[in-house]
PDB file of N, CA and C in Angstrom:
ATOM      1  N   MET A   1     -18.526  -0.513  26.125  1.00  0.00           N
ATOM      2  CA  MET A   1     -19.934  -0.244  26.372  1.00  0.00           C
ATOM      3  C   MET A   1     -20.693  -0.411  25.060  1.00  0.00           C
ATOM      4  N   SER A   2     -21.756  -1.201  25.109  1.00  0.00           N
ATOM      5  CA  SER A   2     -22.543  -1.392  23.896  1.00  0.00           C
ATOM      6  C   SER A   2     -23.455  -0.186  23.668  1.00  0.00           C
ATOM      7  N   LYS A   3     -23.964  -0.107  22.461  1.00  0.00           N
ATOM      8  CA  LYS A   3     -24.843   1.010  22.127  1.00  0.00           C
ATOM      9  C   LYS A   3     -26.105   0.951  22.979  1.00  0.00           C
ATOM     10  N   THR A   4     -26.617   2.087  23.325  1.00  0.00           N
ATOM     11  CA  THR A   4     -27.817   2.124  24.168  1.00  0.00           C
ATOM     12  C   THR A   4     -29.028   1.575  23.434  1.00  0.00           C
ATOM     13  N   SER A   5     -29.027   1.637  22.108  1.00  0.00           N
ATOM     14  CA  SER A   5     -30.155   1.102  21.352  1.00  0.00           C
ATOM     15  C   SER A   5     -30.224  -0.415  21.478  1.00  0.00           C
ATOM     16  N   VAL A   6     -29.068  -1.076  21.538  1.00  0.00           N
ATOM     17  CA  VAL A   6     -29.029  -2.531  21.692  1.00  0.00           C
ATOM     18  C   VAL A   6     -29.558  -2.906  23.070  1.00  0.00           C
ATOM     19  N   TYR A   7     -29.141  -2.174  24.084  1.00  0.00           N
ATOM     20  CA  TYR A   7     -29.609  -2.429  25.447  1.00  0.00           C
ATOM     21  C   TYR A   7     -31.112  -2.176  25.563  1.00  0.00           C
ATOM     22  N   ALA A   8     -31.596  -1.096  24.932  1.00  0.00           N
ATOM     23  CA  ALA A   8     -33.023  -0.760  24.979  1.00  0.00           C
ATOM     24  C   ALA A   8     -33.854  -1.823  24.262  1.00  0.00           C
ATOM     25  N   ARG A   9     -33.345  -2.338  23.159  1.00  0.00           N
ATOM     26  CA  ARG A   9     -34.059  -3.380  22.412  1.00  0.00           C
ATOM     27  C   ARG A   9     -34.220  -4.632  23.263  1.00  0.00           C
ATOM     28  N   ASN A  10     -33.174  -4.976  24.001  1.00  0.00           N
ATOM     29  CA  ASN A  10     -33.226  -6.147  24.867  1.00  0.00           C
ATOM     30  C   ASN A  10     -34.219  -5.932  26.011  1.00  0.00           C
ATOM     31  N   GLU A  11     -34.274  -4.722  26.558  1.00  0.00           N
ATOM     32  CA  GLU A  11     -35.230  -4.414  27.628  1.00  0.00           C
ATOM     33  C   GLU A  11     -36.667  -4.501  27.109  1.00  0.00           C
ATOM     34  N   LYS A  12     -36.876  -4.067  25.881  1.00  0.00           N
ATOM     35  CA  LYS A  12     -38.196  -4.159  25.268  1.00  0.00           C
ATOM     36  C   LYS A  12     -38.615  -5.620  25.118  1.00  0.00           C
ATOM     37  N   ARG A  13     -37.669  -6.467  24.740  1.00  0.00           N
ATOM     38  CA  ARG A  13     -37.952  -7.899  24.623  1.00  0.00           C
ATOM     39  C   ARG A  13     -38.336  -8.486  25.971  1.00  0.00           C
ATOM     40  N   LYS A  14     -37.648  -8.066  27.033  1.00  0.00           N
ATOM     41  CA  LYS A  14     -37.974  -8.559  28.377  1.00  0.00           C
ATOM     42  C   LYS A  14     -39.404  -8.192  28.758  1.00  0.00           C
ATOM     43  N   ARG A  15     -39.817  -6.954  28.430  1.00  0.00           N
ATOM     44  CA  ARG A  15     -41.189  -6.534  28.732  1.00  0.00           C
ATOM     45  C   ARG A  15     -42.206  -7.354  27.946  1.00  0.00           C
ATOM     46  N   LEU A  16     -41.928  -7.623  26.669  1.00  0.00           N
ATOM     47  CA  LEU A  16     -42.843  -8.416  25.848  1.00  0.00           C
ATOM     48  C   LEU A  16     -42.944  -9.857  26.355  1.00  0.00           C
ATOM     49  N   VAL A  17     -41.841 -10.421  26.797  1.00  0.00           N
ATOM     50  CA  VAL A  17     -41.861 -11.782  27.332  1.00  0.00           C
ATOM     51  C   VAL A  17     -42.757 -11.843  28.564  1.00  0.00           C
ATOM     52  N   ALA A  18     -42.629 -10.859  29.448  1.00  0.00           N
ATOM     53  CA  ALA A  18     -43.460 -10.829  30.652  1.00  0.00           C
ATOM     54  C   ALA A  18     -44.936 -10.625  30.313  1.00  0.00           C
ATOM     55  N   LYS A  19     -45.195  -9.806  29.306  1.00  0.00           N
ATOM     56  CA  LYS A  19     -46.569  -9.498  28.927  1.00  0.00           C
ATOM     57  C   LYS A  19     -47.295 -10.713  28.348  1.00  0.00           C
ATOM     58  N   TYR A  20     -46.603 -11.476  27.509  1.00  0.00           N
ATOM     59  CA  TYR A  20     -47.243 -12.590  26.812  1.00  0.00           C
ATOM     60  C   TYR A  20     -46.962 -13.953  27.440  1.00  0.00           C
ATOM     61  N   ALA A  21     -46.372 -14.019  28.620  1.00  0.00           N
ATOM     62  CA  ALA A  21     -45.991 -15.293  29.226  1.00  0.00           C
ATOM     63  C   ALA A  21     -47.192 -16.200  29.475  1.00  0.00           C
ATOM     64  N   GLU A  22     -48.266 -15.661  30.057  1.00  0.00           N
ATOM     65  CA  GLU A  22     -49.445 -16.485  30.356  1.00  0.00           C
ATOM     66  C   GLU A  22     -50.128 -16.970  29.082  1.00  0.00           C
ATOM     67  N   ARG A  23     -50.284 -16.069  28.127  1.00  0.00           N
ATOM     68  CA  ARG A  23     -50.942 -16.416  26.873  1.00  0.00           C
ATOM     69  C   ARG A  23     -50.133 -17.482  26.116  1.00  0.00           C
ATOM     70  N   ARG A  24     -48.825 -17.308  26.124  1.00  0.00           N
ATOM     71  CA  ARG A  24     -47.937 -18.260  25.444  1.00  0.00           C
ATOM     72  C   ARG A  24     -48.020 -19.639  26.101  1.00  0.00           C
ATOM     73  N   ALA A  25     -48.047 -19.686  27.435  1.00  0.00           N
ATOM     74  CA  ALA A  25     -48.134 -20.957  28.157  1.00  0.00           C
ATOM     75  C   ALA A  25     -49.466 -21.656  27.873  1.00  0.00           C
ATOM     76  N   ALA A  26     -50.550 -20.875  27.818  1.00  0.00           N
ATOM     77  CA  ALA A  26     -51.864 -21.461  27.544  1.00  0.00           C
ATOM     78  C   ALA A  26     -51.931 -22.040  26.131  1.00  0.00           C
ATOM     79  N   LEU A  27     -51.369 -21.329  25.167  1.00  0.00           N
ATOM     80  CA  LEU A  27     -51.371 -21.819  23.787  1.00  0.00           C
ATOM     81  C   LEU A  27     -50.506 -23.068  23.643  1.00  0.00           C
ATOM     82  N   LYS A  28     -49.397 -23.117  24.337  1.00  0.00           N
ATOM     83  CA  LYS A  28     -48.545 -24.305  24.283  1.00  0.00           C
ATOM     84  C   LYS A  28     -49.254 -25.509  24.886  1.00  0.00           C
ATOM     85  N   GLU A  29     -49.952 -25.281  26.001  1.00  0.00           N
ATOM     86  CA  GLU A  29     -50.659 -26.370  26.675  1.00  0.00           C
ATOM     87  C   GLU A  29     -51.788 -26.911  25.805  1.00  0.00           C
ATOM     88  N   ALA A  30     -52.460 -26.004  25.092  1.00  0.00           N
ATOM     89  CA  ALA A  30     -53.562 -26.414  24.216  1.00  0.00           C
ATOM     90  C   ALA A  30     -53.058 -27.008  22.905  1.00  0.00           C
ATOM     91  N   GLY A  31     -51.792 -26.775  22.579  1.00  0.00           N
ATOM     92  CA  GLY A  31     -51.250 -27.287  21.326  1.00  0.00           C
ATOM     93  C   GLY A  31     -51.640 -26.456  20.121  1.00  0.00           C
ATOM     94  N   ASP A  32     -52.003 -25.203  20.345  1.00  0.00           N
ATOM     95  CA  ASP A  32     -52.413 -24.305  19.259  1.00  0.00           C
ATOM     96  C   ASP A  32     -51.179 -23.620  18.682  1.00  0.00           C
ATOM     97  N   TRP A  33     -50.504 -24.301  17.747  1.00  0.00           N
ATOM     98  CA  TRP A  33     -49.256 -23.782  17.203  1.00  0.00           C
ATOM     99  C   TRP A  33     -49.484 -22.609  16.260  1.00  0.00           C
ATOM    100  N   GLU A  34     -50.636 -22.582  15.595  1.00  0.00           N
ATOM    101  CA  GLU A  34     -50.945 -21.445  14.716  1.00  0.00           C
ATOM    102  C   GLU A  34     -51.136 -20.169  15.530  1.00  0.00           C
ATOM    103  N   GLY A  35     -51.841 -20.297  16.646  1.00  0.00           N
ATOM    104  CA  GLY A  35     -52.033 -19.149  17.530  1.00  0.00           C
ATOM    105  C   GLY A  35     -50.720 -18.671  18.135  1.00  0.00           C
ATOM    106  N   LEU A  36     -49.843 -19.618  18.396  1.00  0.00           N
ATOM    107  CA  LEU A  36     -48.546 -19.287  18.955  1.00  0.00           C
ATOM    108  C   LEU A  36     -47.700 -18.509  17.949  1.00  0.00           C
ATOM    109  N   GLN A  37     -47.837 -18.839  16.672  1.00  0.00           N
ATOM    110  CA  GLN A  37     -47.074 -18.142  15.640  1.00  0.00           C
ATOM    111  C   GLN A  37     -47.575 -16.721  15.407  1.00  0.00           C
ATOM    112  N   LYS A  38     -48.818 -16.445  15.799  1.00  0.00           N
ATOM    113  CA  LYS A  38     -49.369 -15.108  15.601  1.00  0.00           C
ATOM    114  C   LYS A  38     -48.929 -14.119  16.683  1.00  0.00           C
ATOM    115  N   LEU A  39     -48.341 -14.629  17.759  1.00  0.00           N
ATOM    116  CA  LEU A  39     -47.815 -13.744  18.800  1.00  0.00           C
ATOM    117  C   LEU A  39     -46.579 -13.023  18.259  1.00  0.00           C
ATOM    118  N   PRO A  40     -46.220 -11.890  18.849  1.00  0.00           N
ATOM    119  CA  PRO A  40     -45.016 -11.180  18.394  1.00  0.00           C
ATOM    120  C   PRO A  40     -43.768 -12.051  18.526  1.00  0.00           C
ATOM    121  N   ARG A  41     -42.886 -11.927  17.577  1.00  0.00           N
ATOM    122  CA  ARG A  41     -41.673 -12.734  17.554  1.00  0.00           C
ATOM    123  C   ARG A  41     -40.805 -12.466  18.788  1.00  0.00           C
ATOM    124  N   ASN A  42     -40.750 -11.219  19.212  1.00  0.00           N
ATOM    125  CA  ASN A  42     -39.911 -10.869  20.359  1.00  0.00           C
ATOM    126  C   ASN A  42     -40.529 -11.241  21.702  1.00  0.00           C
ATOM    127  N   SER A  43     -41.694 -11.855  21.710  1.00  0.00           N
ATOM    128  CA  SER A  43     -42.290 -12.281  22.972  1.00  0.00           C
ATOM    129  C   SER A  43     -41.794 -13.665  23.382  1.00  0.00           C
ATOM    130  N   SER A  44     -40.947 -14.265  22.581  1.00  0.00           N
ATOM    131  CA  SER A  44     -40.364 -15.558  22.920  1.00  0.00           C
ATOM    132  C   SER A  44     -39.192 -15.354  23.878  1.00  0.00           C
ATOM    133  N   PRO A  45     -39.133 -16.111  24.968  1.00  0.00           N
ATOM    134  CA  PRO A  45     -38.051 -15.921  25.931  1.00  0.00           C
ATOM    135  C   PRO A  45     -36.670 -16.270  25.374  1.00  0.00           C
ATOM    136  N   VAL A  46     -36.623 -17.016  24.283  1.00  0.00           N
ATOM    137  CA  VAL A  46     -35.350 -17.400  23.694  1.00  0.00           C
ATOM    138  C   VAL A  46     -34.621 -16.189  23.111  1.00  0.00           C
ATOM    139  N   ARG A  47     -35.349 -15.170  22.727  1.00  0.00           N
ATOM    140  CA  ARG A  47     -34.753 -14.016  22.067  1.00  0.00           C
ATOM    141  C   ARG A  47     -34.149 -12.998  23.030  1.00  0.00           C
ATOM    142  N   VAL A  48     -34.361 -13.191  24.329  1.00  0.00           N
ATOM    143  CA  VAL A  48     -33.782 -12.278  25.321  1.00  0.00           C
ATOM    144  C   VAL A  48     -32.328 -12.661  25.537  1.00  0.00           C
ATOM    145  N   ARG A  49     -31.461 -11.680  25.530  1.00  0.00           N
ATOM    146  CA  ARG A  49     -30.027 -11.894  25.665  1.00  0.00           C
ATOM    147  C   ARG A  49     -29.584 -11.481  27.063  1.00  0.00           C
ATOM    148  N   SER A  50     -28.763 -12.303  27.705  1.00  0.00           N
ATOM    149  CA  SER A  50     -28.225 -11.899  29.003  1.00  0.00           C
ATOM    150  C   SER A  50     -27.068 -10.937  28.748  1.00  0.00           C
ATOM    151  N   ARG A  51     -27.130  -9.762  29.349  1.00  0.00           N
ATOM    152  CA  ARG A  51     -26.124  -8.729  29.127  1.00  0.00           C
ATOM    153  C   ARG A  51     -25.539  -8.270  30.460  1.00  0.00           C
ATOM    154  N   CYS A  52     -24.331  -7.780  30.395  1.00  0.00           N
ATOM    155  CA  CYS A  52     -23.636  -7.257  31.577  1.00  0.00           C
ATOM    156  C   CYS A  52     -24.386  -6.020  32.078  1.00  0.00           C
ATOM    157  N   GLN A  53     -24.551  -5.936  33.387  1.00  0.00           N
ATOM    158  CA  GLN A  53     -25.265  -4.806  33.979  1.00  0.00           C
ATOM    159  C   GLN A  53     -24.472  -3.503  33.899  1.00  0.00           C
ATOM    160  N   MET A  54     -23.163  -3.604  33.846  1.00  0.00           N
ATOM    161  CA  MET A  54     -22.335  -2.397  33.851  1.00  0.00           C
ATOM    162  C   MET A  54     -21.969  -1.915  32.454  1.00  0.00           C
ATOM    163  N   THR A  55     -21.635  -2.852  31.561  1.00  0.00           N
ATOM    164  CA  THR A  55     -21.150  -2.454  30.249  1.00  0.00           C
ATOM    165  C   THR A  55     -22.116  -2.749  29.121  1.00  0.00           C
ATOM    166  N   GLY A  56     -23.049  -3.671  29.320  1.00  0.00           N
ATOM    167  CA  GLY A  56     -23.978  -4.044  28.261  1.00  0.00           C
ATOM    168  C   GLY A  56     -23.427  -5.106  27.337  1.00  0.00           C
ATOM    169  N   ARG A  57     -22.241  -5.648  27.655  1.00  0.00           N
ATOM    170  CA  ARG A  57     -21.622  -6.681  26.828  1.00  0.00           C
ATOM    171  C   ARG A  57     -22.495  -7.929  26.808  1.00  0.00           C
ATOM    172  N   GLY A  58     -22.641  -8.545  25.638  1.00  0.00           N
ATOM    173  CA  GLY A  58     -23.536  -9.687  25.480  1.00  0.00           C
ATOM    174  C   GLY A  58     -22.864 -11.039  25.546  1.00  0.00           C
ATOM    175  N   ARG A  59     -21.543 -11.069  25.576  1.00  0.00           N
ATOM    176  CA  ARG A  59     -20.830 -12.342  25.605  1.00  0.00           C
ATOM    177  C   ARG A  59     -20.046 -12.481  26.898  1.00  0.00           C
ATOM    178  N   GLY A  60     -19.915 -13.714  27.353  1.00  0.00           N
ATOM    179  CA  GLY A  60     -19.130 -13.975  28.556  1.00  0.00           C
ATOM    180  C   GLY A  60     -19.765 -13.414  29.809  1.00  0.00           C
ATOM    181  N   VAL A  61     -21.083 -13.536  29.936  1.00  0.00           N
ATOM    182  CA  VAL A  61     -21.804 -12.975  31.085  1.00  0.00           C
ATOM    183  C   VAL A  61     -22.108 -14.087  32.078  1.00  0.00           C
ATOM    184  N   TYR A  62     -21.720 -13.882  33.330  1.00  0.00           N
ATOM    185  CA  TYR A  62     -22.053 -14.822  34.400  1.00  0.00           C
ATOM    186  C   TYR A  62     -23.436 -14.461  34.934  1.00  0.00           C
ATOM    187  N   LYS A  63     -24.385 -15.388  34.792  1.00  0.00           N
ATOM    188  CA  LYS A  63     -25.763 -15.100  35.192  1.00  0.00           C
ATOM    189  C   LYS A  63     -25.892 -14.821  36.687  1.00  0.00           C
ATOM    190  N   LYS A  64     -25.127 -15.549  37.486  1.00  0.00           N
ATOM    191  CA  LYS A  64     -25.233 -15.399  38.938  1.00  0.00           C
ATOM    192  C   LYS A  64     -24.917 -13.979  39.389  1.00  0.00           C
ATOM    193  N   PHE A  65     -23.985 -13.326  38.716  1.00  0.00           N
ATOM    194  CA  PHE A  65     -23.567 -11.987  39.107  1.00  0.00           C
ATOM    195  C   PHE A  65     -24.098 -10.902  38.177  1.00  0.00           C
ATOM    196  N   GLY A  66     -24.505 -11.270  36.962  1.00  0.00           N
ATOM    197  CA  GLY A  66     -24.997 -10.296  36.003  1.00  0.00           C
ATOM    198  C   GLY A  66     -23.894  -9.421  35.421  1.00  0.00           C
ATOM    199  N   LEU A  67     -22.663  -9.932  35.457  1.00  0.00           N
ATOM    200  CA  LEU A  67     -21.508  -9.185  34.976  1.00  0.00           C
ATOM    201  C   LEU A  67     -20.764  -9.994  33.923  1.00  0.00           C
ATOM    202  N   CYS A  68     -20.127  -9.277  32.991  1.00  0.00           N
ATOM    203  CA  CYS A  68     -19.294  -9.978  32.019  1.00  0.00           C
ATOM    204  C   CYS A  68     -17.972 -10.350  32.688  1.00  0.00           C
ATOM    205  N   ARG A  69     -17.236 -11.229  32.063  1.00  0.00           N
ATOM    206  CA  ARG A  69     -16.014 -11.764  32.654  1.00  0.00           C
ATOM    207  C   ARG A  69     -14.968 -10.686  32.923  1.00  0.00           C
ATOM    208  N   ASN A  70     -14.910  -9.675  32.061  1.00  0.00           N
ATOM    209  CA  ASN A  70     -13.916  -8.614  32.230  1.00  0.00           C
ATOM    210  C   ASN A  70     -14.197  -7.778  33.472  1.00  0.00           C
ATOM    211  N   VAL A  71     -15.437  -7.342  33.605  1.00  0.00           N
ATOM    212  CA  VAL A  71     -15.820  -6.517  34.754  1.00  0.00           C
ATOM    213  C   VAL A  71     -15.772  -7.339  36.034  1.00  0.00           C
ATOM    214  N   PHE A  72     -16.190  -8.615  35.932  1.00  0.00           N
ATOM    215  CA  PHE A  72     -16.156  -9.491  37.098  1.00  0.00           C
ATOM    216  C   PHE A  72     -14.733  -9.622  37.636  1.00  0.00           C
ATOM    217  N   ARG A  73     -13.776  -9.837  36.728  1.00  0.00           N
ATOM    218  CA  ARG A  73     -12.380  -9.982  37.144  1.00  0.00           C
ATOM    219  C   ARG A  73     -11.859  -8.699  37.779  1.00  0.00           C
ATOM    220  N   GLN A  74     -12.193  -7.587  37.171  1.00  0.00           N
ATOM    221  CA  GLN A  74     -11.732  -6.296  37.694  1.00  0.00           C
ATOM    222  C   GLN A  74     -12.267  -6.049  39.100  1.00  0.00           C
ATOM    223  N   LEU A  75     -13.577  -6.272  39.287  1.00  0.00           N
ATOM    224  CA  LEU A  75     -14.185  -6.042  40.603  1.00  0.00           C
ATOM    225  C   LEU A  75     -13.695  -7.054  41.637  1.00  0.00           C
ATOM    226  N   ALA A  76     -13.452  -8.296  41.195  1.00  0.00           N
ATOM    227  CA  ALA A  76     -12.969  -9.317  42.127  1.00  0.00           C
ATOM    228  C   ALA A  76     -11.568  -8.985  42.609  1.00  0.00           C
ATOM    229  N   LEU A  77     -10.718  -8.511  41.714  1.00  0.00           N
ATOM    230  CA  LEU A  77      -9.353  -8.156  42.118  1.00  0.00           C
ATOM    231  C   LEU A  77      -9.335  -6.939  43.038  1.00  0.00           C
ATOM    232  N   GLU A  78     -10.312  -6.056  42.885  1.00  0.00           N
ATOM    233  CA  GLU A  78     -10.411  -4.892  43.758  1.00  0.00           C
ATOM    234  C   GLU A  78     -11.070  -5.232  45.089  1.00  0.00           C
ATOM    235  N   GLY A  79     -11.617  -6.454  45.193  1.00  0.00           N
ATOM    236  CA  GLY A  79     -12.250  -6.884  46.434  1.00  0.00           C
ATOM    237  C   GLY A  79     -13.652  -6.334  46.623  1.00  0.00           C
ATOM    238  N   LYS A  80     -14.328  -5.976  45.545  1.00  0.00           N
ATOM    239  CA  LYS A  80     -15.652  -5.371  45.641  1.00  0.00           C
ATOM    240  C   LYS A  80     -16.791  -6.379  45.534  1.00  0.00           C
ATOM    241  N   ILE A  81     -16.472  -7.652  45.279  1.00  0.00           N
ATOM    242  CA  ILE A  81     -17.490  -8.708  45.239  1.00  0.00           C
ATOM    243  C   ILE A  81     -17.293  -9.565  46.473  1.00  0.00           C
ATOM    244  N   PRO A  82     -18.263  -9.578  47.392  1.00  0.00           N
ATOM    245  CA  PRO A  82     -18.087 -10.338  48.644  1.00  0.00           C
ATOM    246  C   PRO A  82     -17.983 -11.832  48.378  1.00  0.00           C
ATOM    247  N   GLY A  83     -17.044 -12.465  49.066  1.00  0.00           N
ATOM    248  CA  GLY A  83     -16.880 -13.919  48.977  1.00  0.00           C
ATOM    249  C   GLY A  83     -16.086 -14.400  47.786  1.00  0.00           C
ATOM    250  N   ILE A  84     -15.589 -13.513  46.949  1.00  0.00           N
ATOM    251  CA  ILE A  84     -14.824 -13.902  45.774  1.00  0.00           C
ATOM    252  C   ILE A  84     -13.379 -13.474  45.957  1.00  0.00           C
ATOM    253  N   ARG A  85     -12.464 -14.418  45.741  1.00  0.00           N
ATOM    254  CA  ARG A  85     -11.044 -14.080  45.757  1.00  0.00           C
ATOM    255  C   ARG A  85     -10.335 -14.940  44.734  1.00  0.00           C
ATOM    256  N   LYS A  86      -9.154 -14.521  44.356  1.00  0.00           N
ATOM    257  CA  LYS A  86      -8.374 -15.215  43.340  1.00  0.00           C
ATOM    258  C   LYS A  86      -7.944 -16.576  43.874  1.00  0.00           C
ATOM    259  N   ALA A  87      -8.075 -17.583  43.029  1.00  0.00           N
ATOM    260  CA  ALA A  87      -7.726 -18.938  43.438  1.00  0.00           C
ATOM    261  C   ALA A  87      -6.205 -19.094  43.455  1.00  0.00           C
ATOM    262  N   SER A  88      -5.731 -19.888  44.417  1.00  0.00           N
ATOM    263  CA  SER A  88      -4.319 -20.264  44.452  1.00  0.00           C
ATOM    264  C   SER A  88      -4.223 -21.633  45.094  1.00  0.00           C
ATOM    265  N   TRP A  89      -3.461 -22.514  44.463  1.00  0.00           N
ATOM    266  CA  TRP A  89      -3.297 -23.855  45.017  1.00  0.00           C
ATOM    267  C   TRP A  89      -1.919 -24.390  44.735  1.00  0.00           C
TER     268      TRP A  89
END
């Protein structure tokens, strides 16, 4: 489990991205790069990290499920993810 401060920081970035999305799009369309640089750094969507919903892990996260590979495997083996089963051929 990652620290709650790391998870909270990422949530704050998500809120800033949503808040400045329209303004950022308008500045990009107008080509006003100076105005774009004056926006908060964390309002850029590139800075948002995809994290596991259960553990907060930042690496190996499947976007479709919102889970890291470790938790995904555990839940899949327990049969708790519908439509997912271990491959065999």
